[in-house]
Each structure stands twice: as structure tokens, then as C-alpha cells.
């Protein structure tokens, strides 16, 4: 919180008080992001890429089966490179590594556990995520903005009363920076090389915090 009180100056300038209003609300996330990587190590780069391509087709079929729309998935990278091991006598080639990564956006947390379990056990996939976020258009963001503005007014009134003044009209309203308005992502640390036999991986989205802040300047009047 920052405050600023401007004293009256000769010439009739209006004294003002500037405060920062803040608010934080919690809400369930709207969506989750997953990054799925398939890799293969072979002596020949073509064989490594063919292995990854075959399992990528199986991953596409799995995503179709789980009802993940094609508009919510994207291939974010395909690489093929020679992998080396360092030995006392120098580098030794281990073969050629091929890798492909797909990002998946899910608005329903229900299939996430099934996707993680099936893709790791059947396709030897590696996962990064899920990373939960609250969409920019979620109404909770406007609720947080209203609460921050109300907090600023309460603080300004308290400062005015503290110096024997009366809170006057609003003169300026400014949102500090832009970081608080961006969708905030919360990452769940689930990076799996294999999954235990049994049911789907349990996934809990929980709640995320949505924060807002506002700088407000009010005129001060004589009480």
C-alpha cells in the first residue's frame, strides 16, 4: 500500500490524498495446460523419428478418444539430434534422439488423469503440467477490481478522518502496471516417466487467487 497526502498551498490548490486499493479473491481455474513429449533414441535418425511419429499418431487417437478438440492442441516442437556421452577418452555417440512435444489445453479437469495415465503407460510419454489458469474474461476478475476500488475508498476516507478532513470527489483512478491483469498460471508439479498400474492419475485443480490493485486520488475537504 502506498499513500500520499498533498498539503494545501497558497493560491487555492485542492489538497488530495492518493491511496492504493488492493483485493484478492479465490476461484476455481477455467483451464489447464499440459505439455506432452514423446522421445526415442536409435542408432539411425530416421528410425528415431519414425518411432516418435508412430507414437504421435497414437497420441492423436488418444486425444480424440478423450474428446480433446483439435483446436486445443498444438505441436510445439520436433527435434532430431545426435546424443553423446562424455568418457575419459572423449565423447561417445549414444545414437540419435528424436523428440516431439504437443501442448494441450483442457477446460475440463476430468480427462487429465486418464490422459496422463494412458499416455505414460501406453506411449512412454513425459509430461509437464498441468498448469492451471483463470481466463481473462472470468467475472471474478471484475469482482476483484470492484473490491480493490472499494478498498481504496475506505483507506482514503480513513486517512482523511485521521487529519480532520472530509473525503471529497474522486480526481484520478489508475491501475498500476499490467501484470495483475494477465491470466495467472499455477503449475502443478506432475512430471512422469511412468505411471503405476491402476486407475487414472488423481488430479485436483483446487482454487487460484485473482488479485487486483488500483491507485486512487481523492480531493480533501474541510470537515
Foldseek 3Di string as FASTA:
>chain_A
DDKDWDDDDPPDDFTKMKDKFKFKDKDFFQKWKKKKKAKDFDQDQVVRVVLSVVLVVVLVVVCVVVPFDPVFKDWPDWDKAWDWDADPVGIDTPHIMIMTMMMGMGRDCVCPQVSVQCCLAPRLMKMWFGKTWHDLPPCVLVVQVVNRVVRRVVVRQVVLVVVQWGWAAWDDKAWPDCVLSDIDIHTDGDTDRHDDPDDGDDDDRGMDMRMGMMMTMTTIHHD
